[in-house]
């Protein structure tokens, strides 16, 4: 009876949470533990969650913790991601167009092919992020840090103001 209840609870958690188990494990105990901390809302912890191709457009996700999360192809357009943490997350191919990215952390994140067009990266940190084929046209970065980022050394399309480039050089001193 106890085993049946575990599977029932795990199934309910997967349905309610959209399959947010972390770590690639499929055991019921791991699923329950991961799903319990995976409510997508402002200030929530979704560390290690799996939300590939999910639609978060226009949502208020201030302060959300997406560290090490799998968010490939997710849509964050027009979302408020102020102080969100995407440390080490896979956001390759994700859409951040028009999102609010104030003091947002993308350190070590895979942003390959991400659409970060027409955003403001104010105080954002993208240290050691993979920016290969990421699009930044119309983006304004002020007090941002791209040190160690790879794949877009010139930060093509970004207007830089008091921002640290991938090579560690500061640009746009008075803007």
N, C-alpha and C. Protein backbone atom coordinates (compact mmCIF):
# COMPACT_ATOMS: atom_id res chain seq x y z
N UNK A 1 0.82 -1.20 0.00
CA UNK A 1 0.00 0.00 0.00
C UNK A 1 0.86 1.26 0.00
N UNK A 2 1.95 1.24 0.75
CA UNK A 2 2.84 2.38 0.84
C UNK A 2 3.45 2.73 -0.52
N UNK A 3 3.86 1.72 -1.29
CA UNK A 3 4.44 1.93 -2.62
C UNK A 3 3.40 2.54 -3.56
N UNK A 4 2.19 2.07 -3.50
CA UNK A 4 1.12 2.61 -4.35
C UNK A 4 0.91 4.09 -4.04
N UNK A 5 0.89 4.47 -2.76
CA UNK A 5 0.71 5.87 -2.38
C UNK A 5 1.84 6.75 -2.90
N UNK A 6 3.07 6.26 -2.86
CA UNK A 6 4.20 7.03 -3.37
C UNK A 6 4.03 7.32 -4.85
N UNK A 7 3.62 6.31 -5.61
CA UNK A 7 3.44 6.50 -7.04
C UNK A 7 2.27 7.44 -7.32
N UNK A 8 1.23 7.36 -6.55
CA UNK A 8 0.08 8.24 -6.72
C UNK A 8 0.48 9.68 -6.44
N UNK A 9 1.19 9.93 -5.36
CA UNK A 9 1.65 11.28 -5.02
C UNK A 9 2.60 11.79 -6.08
N UNK A 10 3.52 10.96 -6.55
CA UNK A 10 4.46 11.37 -7.58
C UNK A 10 3.73 11.75 -8.86
N UNK A 11 2.71 10.98 -9.23
CA UNK A 11 1.94 11.28 -10.42
C UNK A 11 1.20 12.61 -10.30
N UNK A 12 0.62 12.87 -9.14
CA UNK A 12 -0.07 14.13 -8.91
C UNK A 12 0.91 15.29 -8.97
N UNK A 13 2.09 15.15 -8.38
CA UNK A 13 3.10 16.20 -8.42
C UNK A 13 3.53 16.49 -9.85
N UNK A 14 3.71 15.47 -10.65
CA UNK A 14 4.12 15.67 -12.03
C UNK A 14 3.04 16.38 -12.82
N UNK A 15 1.79 16.07 -12.60
CA UNK A 15 0.71 16.72 -13.32
C UNK A 15 0.60 18.18 -12.90
N UNK A 16 0.60 18.45 -11.60
CA UNK A 16 0.47 19.81 -11.10
C UNK A 16 1.66 20.67 -11.48
N UNK A 17 2.84 20.12 -11.43
CA UNK A 17 4.05 20.90 -11.63
C UNK A 17 4.57 20.83 -13.06
N UNK A 18 4.00 20.07 -13.92
CA UNK A 18 4.44 20.02 -15.30
C UNK A 18 5.70 19.24 -15.52
N UNK A 19 6.01 18.31 -14.67
CA UNK A 19 7.19 17.47 -14.87
C UNK A 19 8.48 18.17 -14.51
N UNK A 20 8.57 18.72 -13.34
CA UNK A 20 9.73 19.51 -12.98
C UNK A 20 10.75 18.75 -12.15
N UNK A 21 10.81 17.47 -12.26
CA UNK A 21 11.80 16.69 -11.52
C UNK A 21 13.19 17.06 -11.98
N UNK A 22 14.10 17.21 -11.06
CA UNK A 22 15.47 17.57 -11.41
C UNK A 22 16.38 16.37 -11.38
N UNK A 23 17.58 16.55 -11.96
CA UNK A 23 18.62 15.55 -11.86
C UNK A 23 18.44 14.35 -12.75
N UNK A 24 17.43 14.30 -13.57
CA UNK A 24 17.24 13.21 -14.50
C UNK A 24 16.76 11.92 -13.87
N UNK A 25 16.44 11.93 -12.60
CA UNK A 25 15.99 10.73 -11.91
C UNK A 25 14.50 10.54 -12.13
N UNK A 26 14.08 9.29 -12.16
CA UNK A 26 12.65 9.02 -12.32
C UNK A 26 12.09 8.25 -11.14
N UNK A 27 12.85 8.12 -10.07
CA UNK A 27 12.32 7.40 -8.92
C UNK A 27 11.29 8.28 -8.22
N UNK A 28 10.22 7.70 -7.68
CA UNK A 28 9.16 8.47 -7.04
C UNK A 28 9.66 9.38 -5.93
N UNK A 29 10.58 8.92 -5.11
CA UNK A 29 11.07 9.75 -4.00
C UNK A 29 11.75 11.01 -4.52
N UNK A 30 12.57 10.89 -5.57
CA UNK A 30 13.25 12.05 -6.15
C UNK A 30 12.25 12.98 -6.81
N UNK A 31 11.25 12.44 -7.46
CA UNK A 31 10.24 13.26 -8.12
C UNK A 31 9.48 14.09 -7.10
N UNK A 32 9.09 13.49 -5.99
CA UNK A 32 8.35 14.20 -4.96
C UNK A 32 9.21 15.31 -4.36
N UNK A 33 10.45 15.03 -4.05
CA UNK A 33 11.33 16.03 -3.46
C UNK A 33 11.53 17.21 -4.40
N UNK A 34 11.72 16.97 -5.70
CA UNK A 34 11.95 18.05 -6.65
C UNK A 34 10.68 18.84 -6.89
N UNK A 35 9.56 18.16 -7.05
CA UNK A 35 8.31 18.84 -7.36
C UNK A 35 7.85 19.73 -6.22
N UNK A 36 8.16 19.36 -4.99
CA UNK A 36 7.72 20.13 -3.83
C UNK A 36 8.28 21.54 -3.85
N UNK A 37 9.42 21.77 -4.47
CA UNK A 37 10.05 23.08 -4.50
C UNK A 37 9.96 23.73 -5.86
N UNK A 38 8.98 23.41 -6.65
CA UNK A 38 9.00 23.81 -8.04
C UNK A 38 7.74 24.55 -8.47
N UNK A 39 7.27 25.48 -7.68
CA UNK A 39 6.12 26.30 -8.05
C UNK A 39 6.66 27.52 -8.78
N UNK A 40 6.30 27.69 -10.04
CA UNK A 40 6.83 28.80 -10.84
C UNK A 40 6.09 30.08 -10.50
N UNK A 41 6.73 30.93 -9.67
CA UNK A 41 6.17 32.20 -9.23
C UNK A 41 7.32 33.07 -8.72
N UNK A 42 7.04 34.33 -8.49
CA UNK A 42 8.06 35.23 -7.96
C UNK A 42 8.66 34.65 -6.68
N UNK A 43 9.97 34.76 -6.55
CA UNK A 43 10.74 34.32 -5.38
C UNK A 43 10.71 32.81 -5.12
N UNK A 44 10.27 32.03 -6.07
CA UNK A 44 10.21 30.57 -5.91
C UNK A 44 11.56 29.93 -6.19
N UNK A 45 11.73 28.71 -5.72
CA UNK A 45 12.93 27.94 -6.00
C UNK A 45 12.58 26.80 -6.95
N UNK A 46 13.11 26.90 -8.18
CA UNK A 46 12.93 25.85 -9.19
C UNK A 46 14.31 25.37 -9.63
N UNK A 47 15.22 25.30 -8.68
CA UNK A 47 16.58 24.88 -8.95
C UNK A 47 16.59 23.47 -9.53
N UNK A 48 17.22 23.32 -10.70
CA UNK A 48 17.35 22.02 -11.35
C UNK A 48 16.09 21.53 -12.04
N UNK A 49 15.07 22.37 -12.10
CA UNK A 49 13.80 21.97 -12.72
C UNK A 49 13.93 21.82 -14.23
N UNK A 50 13.00 21.06 -14.81
CA UNK A 50 12.96 20.85 -16.26
C UNK A 50 11.69 21.50 -16.81
N UNK A 51 11.88 22.57 -17.58
CA UNK A 51 10.77 23.29 -18.19
C UNK A 51 11.09 23.62 -19.64
N UNK A 52 11.58 22.68 -20.40
CA UNK A 52 11.92 22.92 -21.79
C UNK A 52 10.67 23.38 -22.54
N UNK A 53 10.85 24.41 -23.39
CA UNK A 53 9.81 24.95 -24.28
C UNK A 53 8.55 25.42 -23.53
N UNK A 54 8.68 25.78 -22.27
CA UNK A 54 7.53 26.28 -21.50
C UNK A 54 7.30 27.75 -21.80
N UNK A 55 6.08 28.21 -21.58
CA UNK A 55 5.71 29.60 -21.84
C UNK A 55 5.55 30.36 -20.53
N UNK A 56 6.52 31.26 -20.27
CA UNK A 56 6.49 32.12 -19.09
C UNK A 56 6.32 33.58 -19.51
N UNK A 57 5.90 33.81 -20.74
CA UNK A 57 5.81 35.18 -21.28
C UNK A 57 4.86 36.03 -20.43
N UNK A 58 5.33 37.26 -20.15
CA UNK A 58 4.54 38.22 -19.40
C UNK A 58 4.38 37.93 -17.92
N UNK A 59 5.00 36.89 -17.40
CA UNK A 59 4.84 36.51 -15.98
C UNK A 59 5.76 37.33 -15.07
N UNK A 60 5.34 37.51 -13.85
CA UNK A 60 6.15 38.17 -12.82
C UNK A 60 6.94 37.08 -12.10
N UNK A 61 8.22 36.95 -12.45
CA UNK A 61 9.07 35.92 -11.86
C UNK A 61 10.26 36.56 -11.14
N UNK A 62 10.04 37.71 -10.53
CA UNK A 62 11.10 38.39 -9.79
C UNK A 62 11.68 37.46 -8.74
N UNK A 63 13.01 37.38 -8.73
CA UNK A 63 13.70 36.63 -7.68
C UNK A 63 13.63 35.12 -7.80
N UNK A 64 13.09 34.58 -8.87
CA UNK A 64 12.97 33.12 -9.01
C UNK A 64 14.36 32.49 -9.12
N UNK A 65 14.52 31.32 -8.59
CA UNK A 65 15.78 30.59 -8.61
C UNK A 65 15.69 29.45 -9.63
N UNK A 66 16.29 29.68 -10.80
CA UNK A 66 16.34 28.68 -11.86
C UNK A 66 17.76 28.12 -12.00
N UNK A 67 18.55 28.13 -10.93
CA UNK A 67 19.92 27.60 -11.03
C UNK A 67 19.89 26.16 -11.53
N UNK A 68 20.78 25.88 -12.49
CA UNK A 68 20.96 24.53 -13.07
C UNK A 68 19.68 23.98 -13.71
N UNK A 69 18.70 24.83 -13.98
CA UNK A 69 17.44 24.38 -14.58
C UNK A 69 17.61 24.12 -16.08
N UNK A 70 16.75 23.29 -16.62
CA UNK A 70 16.72 22.97 -18.05
C UNK A 70 15.54 23.73 -18.65
N UNK A 71 15.84 24.83 -19.34
CA UNK A 71 14.83 25.74 -19.87
C UNK A 71 15.01 25.97 -21.36
N UNK A 72 15.55 25.00 -22.04
CA UNK A 72 15.83 25.11 -23.47
C UNK A 72 14.54 25.47 -24.22
N UNK A 73 14.61 26.56 -25.01
CA UNK A 73 13.48 26.98 -25.83
C UNK A 73 12.33 27.60 -25.08
N UNK A 74 12.49 27.88 -23.78
CA UNK A 74 11.40 28.49 -23.00
C UNK A 74 11.16 29.93 -23.46
N UNK A 75 9.94 30.40 -23.28
CA UNK A 75 9.58 31.75 -23.69
C UNK A 75 9.40 32.63 -22.45
N UNK A 76 10.32 33.60 -22.28
CA UNK A 76 10.28 34.55 -21.18
C UNK A 76 10.01 35.96 -21.70
N UNK A 77 9.50 36.11 -22.92
CA UNK A 77 9.30 37.44 -23.49
C UNK A 77 8.36 38.26 -22.60
N UNK A 78 8.73 39.51 -22.39
CA UNK A 78 7.97 40.47 -21.58
C UNK A 78 7.83 40.05 -20.11
N UNK A 79 8.58 39.05 -19.65
CA UNK A 79 8.50 38.62 -18.25
C UNK A 79 9.35 39.54 -17.37
N UNK A 80 8.97 39.68 -16.11
CA UNK A 80 9.77 40.42 -15.15
C UNK A 80 10.69 39.42 -14.45
N UNK A 81 11.97 39.46 -14.80
CA UNK A 81 12.96 38.54 -14.25
C UNK A 81 13.97 39.29 -13.38
N UNK A 82 13.52 40.37 -12.75
CA UNK A 82 14.39 41.14 -11.86
C UNK A 82 14.93 40.22 -10.76
N UNK A 83 16.24 40.22 -10.61
CA UNK A 83 16.97 39.42 -9.61
C UNK A 83 16.73 37.91 -9.73
N UNK A 84 16.32 37.45 -10.90
CA UNK A 84 16.19 36.00 -11.12
C UNK A 84 17.59 35.40 -11.24
N UNK A 85 17.74 34.13 -10.89
CA UNK A 85 19.03 33.47 -10.92
C UNK A 85 18.99 32.27 -11.88
N UNK A 86 19.73 32.40 -12.99
CA UNK A 86 19.84 31.35 -14.00
C UNK A 86 21.25 30.75 -13.99
N UNK A 87 21.93 30.76 -12.86
CA UNK A 87 23.30 30.26 -12.76
C UNK A 87 23.37 28.82 -13.29
N UNK A 88 24.22 28.60 -14.31
CA UNK A 88 24.44 27.27 -14.84
C UNK A 88 23.25 26.65 -15.55
N UNK A 89 22.22 27.44 -15.79
CA UNK A 89 21.01 26.91 -16.44
C UNK A 89 21.21 26.75 -17.94
N UNK A 90 20.43 25.86 -18.56
CA UNK A 90 20.42 25.73 -20.01
C UNK A 90 19.22 26.49 -20.53
N UNK A 91 19.48 27.70 -21.03
CA UNK A 91 18.44 28.53 -21.64
C UNK A 91 18.72 28.69 -23.13
N UNK A 92 19.37 27.69 -23.71
CA UNK A 92 19.68 27.76 -25.14
C UNK A 92 18.37 27.84 -25.93
N UNK A 93 18.35 28.74 -26.90
CA UNK A 93 17.18 28.93 -27.73
C UNK A 93 15.99 29.57 -27.03
N UNK A 94 16.17 29.99 -25.78
CA UNK A 94 15.08 30.64 -25.03
C UNK A 94 14.84 32.05 -25.56
N UNK A 95 13.64 32.56 -25.33
CA UNK A 95 13.25 33.89 -25.79
C UNK A 95 13.10 34.80 -24.58
N UNK A 96 13.94 35.86 -24.55
CA UNK A 96 13.89 36.85 -23.47
C UNK A 96 13.52 38.23 -24.03
N UNK A 97 13.03 38.28 -25.25
CA UNK A 97 12.77 39.56 -25.91
C UNK A 97 11.82 40.41 -25.08
N UNK A 98 12.27 41.66 -24.80
CA UNK A 98 11.46 42.60 -24.04
C UNK A 98 11.33 42.29 -22.56
N UNK A 99 12.05 41.29 -22.07
CA UNK A 99 11.98 40.93 -20.65
C UNK A 99 12.72 41.96 -19.79
N UNK A 100 12.35 42.04 -18.54
CA UNK A 100 13.04 42.91 -17.58
C UNK A 100 14.13 42.07 -16.93
N UNK A 101 15.38 42.43 -17.22
CA UNK A 101 16.53 41.66 -16.74
C UNK A 101 17.40 42.55 -15.85
N UNK A 102 16.85 43.06 -14.78
CA UNK A 102 17.55 43.92 -13.84
C UNK A 102 18.17 43.05 -12.76
N UNK A 103 19.50 43.15 -12.62
CA UNK A 103 20.27 42.37 -11.64
C UNK A 103 20.00 40.86 -11.76
N UNK A 104 19.75 40.42 -12.99
CA UNK A 104 19.52 39.00 -13.26
C UNK A 104 20.86 38.31 -13.45
N UNK A 105 21.00 37.09 -12.96
CA UNK A 105 22.25 36.34 -13.04
C UNK A 105 22.13 35.21 -14.06
N UNK A 106 23.09 35.22 -15.03
CA UNK A 106 23.20 34.16 -16.02
C UNK A 106 24.62 33.56 -15.98
N UNK A 107 25.30 33.66 -14.86
CA UNK A 107 26.68 33.18 -14.77
C UNK A 107 26.75 31.69 -15.12
N UNK A 108 27.65 31.36 -16.06
CA UNK A 108 27.84 29.97 -16.46
C UNK A 108 26.67 29.35 -17.19
N UNK A 109 25.69 30.15 -17.59
CA UNK A 109 24.51 29.62 -18.28
C UNK A 109 24.81 29.35 -19.75
N UNK A 110 24.12 28.37 -20.32
CA UNK A 110 24.20 28.11 -21.76
C UNK A 110 23.09 28.92 -22.41
N UNK A 111 23.47 30.04 -23.04
CA UNK A 111 22.53 30.93 -23.70
C UNK A 111 22.65 30.83 -25.22
N UNK A 112 23.24 29.76 -25.73
CA UNK A 112 23.45 29.60 -27.17
C UNK A 112 22.12 29.73 -27.90
N UNK A 113 22.09 30.62 -28.89
CA UNK A 113 20.90 30.79 -29.71
C UNK A 113 19.74 31.50 -29.02
N UNK A 114 19.95 32.02 -27.81
CA UNK A 114 18.88 32.72 -27.09
C UNK A 114 18.57 34.06 -27.76
N UNK A 115 17.32 34.48 -27.67
CA UNK A 115 16.88 35.76 -28.19
C UNK A 115 16.75 36.72 -27.01
N UNK A 116 17.73 37.64 -26.91
CA UNK A 116 17.76 38.61 -25.82
C UNK A 116 17.62 40.01 -26.42
N UNK A 117 16.85 40.11 -27.49
CA UNK A 117 16.71 41.37 -28.21
C UNK A 117 15.76 42.32 -27.49
N UNK A 118 16.07 43.63 -27.65
CA UNK A 118 15.21 44.69 -27.12
C UNK A 118 14.95 44.57 -25.62
N UNK A 119 16.01 44.27 -24.88
CA UNK A 119 15.90 44.18 -23.42
C UNK A 119 16.84 45.19 -22.78
N UNK A 120 16.72 45.35 -21.50
CA UNK A 120 17.66 46.16 -20.71
C UNK A 120 18.33 45.22 -19.72
N UNK A 121 19.64 45.09 -19.88
CA UNK A 121 20.44 44.28 -18.96
C UNK A 121 21.07 45.24 -17.96
N UNK A 122 20.35 45.63 -16.97
CA UNK A 122 20.82 46.60 -15.99
C UNK A 122 21.35 45.88 -14.75
N UNK A 123 22.67 45.97 -14.55
CA UNK A 123 23.28 45.30 -13.40
C UNK A 123 23.28 43.78 -13.53
N UNK A 124 23.02 43.27 -14.71
CA UNK A 124 22.96 41.82 -14.93
C UNK A 124 24.37 41.23 -14.99
N UNK A 125 24.49 39.96 -14.63
CA UNK A 125 25.77 39.26 -14.66
C UNK A 125 25.67 38.05 -15.58
N UNK A 126 26.54 38.04 -16.60
CA UNK A 126 26.58 36.95 -17.56
C UNK A 126 28.00 36.38 -17.62
N UNK A 127 28.67 36.32 -16.48
CA UNK A 127 30.04 35.82 -16.41
C UNK A 127 30.10 34.38 -16.88
N UNK A 128 31.06 34.10 -17.76
CA UNK A 128 31.33 32.74 -18.26
C UNK A 128 30.12 32.09 -18.94
N UNK A 129 29.19 32.89 -19.42
CA UNK A 129 28.02 32.34 -20.13
C UNK A 129 28.40 31.99 -21.57
N UNK A 130 27.73 31.01 -22.14
CA UNK A 130 27.91 30.65 -23.55
C UNK A 130 26.91 31.48 -24.35
N UNK A 131 27.42 32.43 -25.15
CA UNK A 131 26.57 33.34 -25.91
C UNK A 131 26.60 33.04 -27.41
N UNK A 132 27.06 31.87 -27.79
CA UNK A 132 27.16 31.51 -29.20
C UNK A 132 25.80 31.65 -29.89
N UNK A 133 25.77 32.46 -30.95
CA UNK A 133 24.56 32.70 -31.74
C UNK A 133 23.42 33.34 -30.96
N UNK A 134 23.68 33.85 -29.76
CA UNK A 134 22.65 34.59 -29.02
C UNK A 134 22.46 35.94 -29.72
N UNK A 135 21.21 36.41 -29.78
CA UNK A 135 20.90 37.66 -30.47
C UNK A 135 20.56 38.74 -29.44
N UNK A 136 21.28 39.87 -29.56
CA UNK A 136 21.14 40.98 -28.62
C UNK A 136 20.74 42.28 -29.30
N UNK A 137 20.26 42.26 -30.54
CA UNK A 137 19.93 43.49 -31.26
C UNK A 137 18.96 44.34 -30.45
N UNK A 138 19.31 45.65 -30.34
CA UNK A 138 18.45 46.58 -29.62
C UNK A 138 18.52 46.47 -28.11
N UNK A 139 19.48 45.72 -27.59
CA UNK A 139 19.61 45.55 -26.14
C UNK A 139 20.54 46.62 -25.56
N UNK A 140 20.17 47.16 -24.43
CA UNK A 140 20.94 48.16 -23.73
C UNK A 140 21.47 47.54 -22.45
N UNK A 141 22.81 47.46 -22.33
CA UNK A 141 23.43 46.88 -21.13
C UNK A 141 24.15 47.98 -20.36
N UNK A 142 23.73 48.19 -19.14
CA UNK A 142 24.40 49.16 -18.28
C UNK A 142 24.79 48.48 -16.96
N UNK A 143 26.02 48.72 -16.54
CA UNK A 143 26.56 48.10 -15.33
C UNK A 143 26.44 46.58 -15.36
N UNK A 144 26.49 46.01 -16.56
CA UNK A 144 26.41 44.55 -16.71
C UNK A 144 27.81 43.96 -16.74
N UNK A 145 27.93 42.66 -16.50
CA UNK A 145 29.23 42.00 -16.49
C UNK A 145 29.18 40.74 -17.36
N UNK A 146 29.94 40.80 -18.48
CA UNK A 146 30.04 39.68 -19.41
C UNK A 146 31.41 39.01 -19.32
N UNK A 147 32.19 39.27 -18.28
CA UNK A 147 33.56 38.76 -18.22
C UNK A 147 33.61 37.23 -18.35
N UNK A 148 34.49 36.76 -19.23
CA UNK A 148 34.66 35.33 -19.44
C UNK A 148 33.60 34.69 -20.33
N UNK A 149 32.60 35.45 -20.76
CA UNK A 149 31.56 34.90 -21.63
C UNK A 149 32.19 34.53 -22.98
N UNK A 150 31.68 33.50 -23.61
CA UNK A 150 32.22 33.04 -24.89
C UNK A 150 31.15 33.03 -25.97
N UNK A 151 31.62 33.06 -27.23
CA UNK A 151 30.72 32.90 -28.36
C UNK A 151 30.26 34.20 -28.99
N UNK A 152 30.44 35.34 -28.31
CA UNK A 152 30.06 36.63 -28.86
C UNK A 152 30.95 37.69 -28.22
N UNK A 153 32.26 37.60 -28.51
CA UNK A 153 33.24 38.45 -27.86
C UNK A 153 32.99 39.94 -28.05
N UNK A 154 32.40 40.32 -29.17
CA UNK A 154 32.15 41.74 -29.45
C UNK A 154 30.79 42.20 -28.95
N UNK A 155 29.99 41.29 -28.45
CA UNK A 155 28.64 41.60 -27.98
C UNK A 155 27.84 42.34 -29.05
N UNK A 156 27.82 41.75 -30.22
CA UNK A 156 27.17 42.32 -31.39
C UNK A 156 25.71 42.65 -31.09
N UNK A 157 25.35 43.90 -31.40
CA UNK A 157 23.97 44.36 -31.22
C UNK A 157 23.67 44.99 -29.88
N UNK A 158 24.61 44.92 -28.94
CA UNK A 158 24.38 45.46 -27.59
C UNK A 158 24.94 46.87 -27.49
N UNK A 159 24.15 47.81 -26.97
CA UNK A 159 24.65 49.12 -26.63
C UNK A 159 25.21 49.01 -25.22
N UNK A 160 26.52 49.27 -25.08
CA UNK A 160 27.21 49.07 -23.81
C UNK A 160 27.42 50.37 -23.04
N UNK A 161 27.07 50.38 -21.79
CA UNK A 161 27.28 51.52 -20.92
C UNK A 161 27.82 51.01 -19.58
N UNK A 162 29.04 51.37 -19.27
CA UNK A 162 29.67 50.94 -18.01
C UNK A 162 29.55 49.43 -17.82
N UNK A 163 29.86 48.71 -18.86
CA UNK A 163 29.70 47.26 -18.88
C UNK A 163 31.03 46.57 -19.10
N UNK A 164 31.25 45.47 -18.41
CA UNK A 164 32.47 44.69 -18.57
C UNK A 164 32.27 43.70 -19.72
N UNK A 165 33.16 43.80 -20.71
CA UNK A 165 33.11 42.92 -21.88
C UNK A 165 33.68 41.54 -21.53
N UNK A 166 33.50 40.55 -22.41
CA UNK A 166 34.03 39.20 -22.15
C UNK A 166 35.53 39.16 -21.86
N UNK A 167 36.30 40.08 -22.48
CA UNK A 167 37.74 40.11 -22.25
C UNK A 167 38.13 40.86 -20.98
N UNK A 168 37.16 41.33 -20.20
CA UNK A 168 37.43 42.03 -18.95
C UNK A 168 37.53 43.53 -19.10
N UNK A 169 37.53 44.03 -20.33
CA UNK A 169 37.64 45.46 -20.59
C UNK A 169 36.31 46.15 -20.30
N UNK A 170 36.40 47.34 -19.68
CA UNK A 170 35.20 48.14 -19.38
C UNK A 170 34.89 49.01 -20.58
N UNK A 171 33.62 49.16 -20.90
CA UNK A 171 33.25 49.99 -22.04
C UNK A 171 32.19 50.99 -21.67
N UNK A 172 32.10 52.05 -22.50
CA UNK A 172 31.04 53.04 -22.34
C UNK A 172 31.05 53.76 -21.01
N UNK A 173 32.17 54.41 -20.68
CA UNK A 173 32.32 55.06 -19.39
C UNK A 173 31.33 56.15 -19.09
N UNK A 174 30.94 56.97 -20.08
CA UNK A 174 29.97 58.05 -19.81
C UNK A 174 28.82 57.93 -20.79
N UNK A 175 27.72 57.49 -20.31
CA UNK A 175 26.56 57.33 -21.19
C UNK A 175 25.29 57.69 -20.49
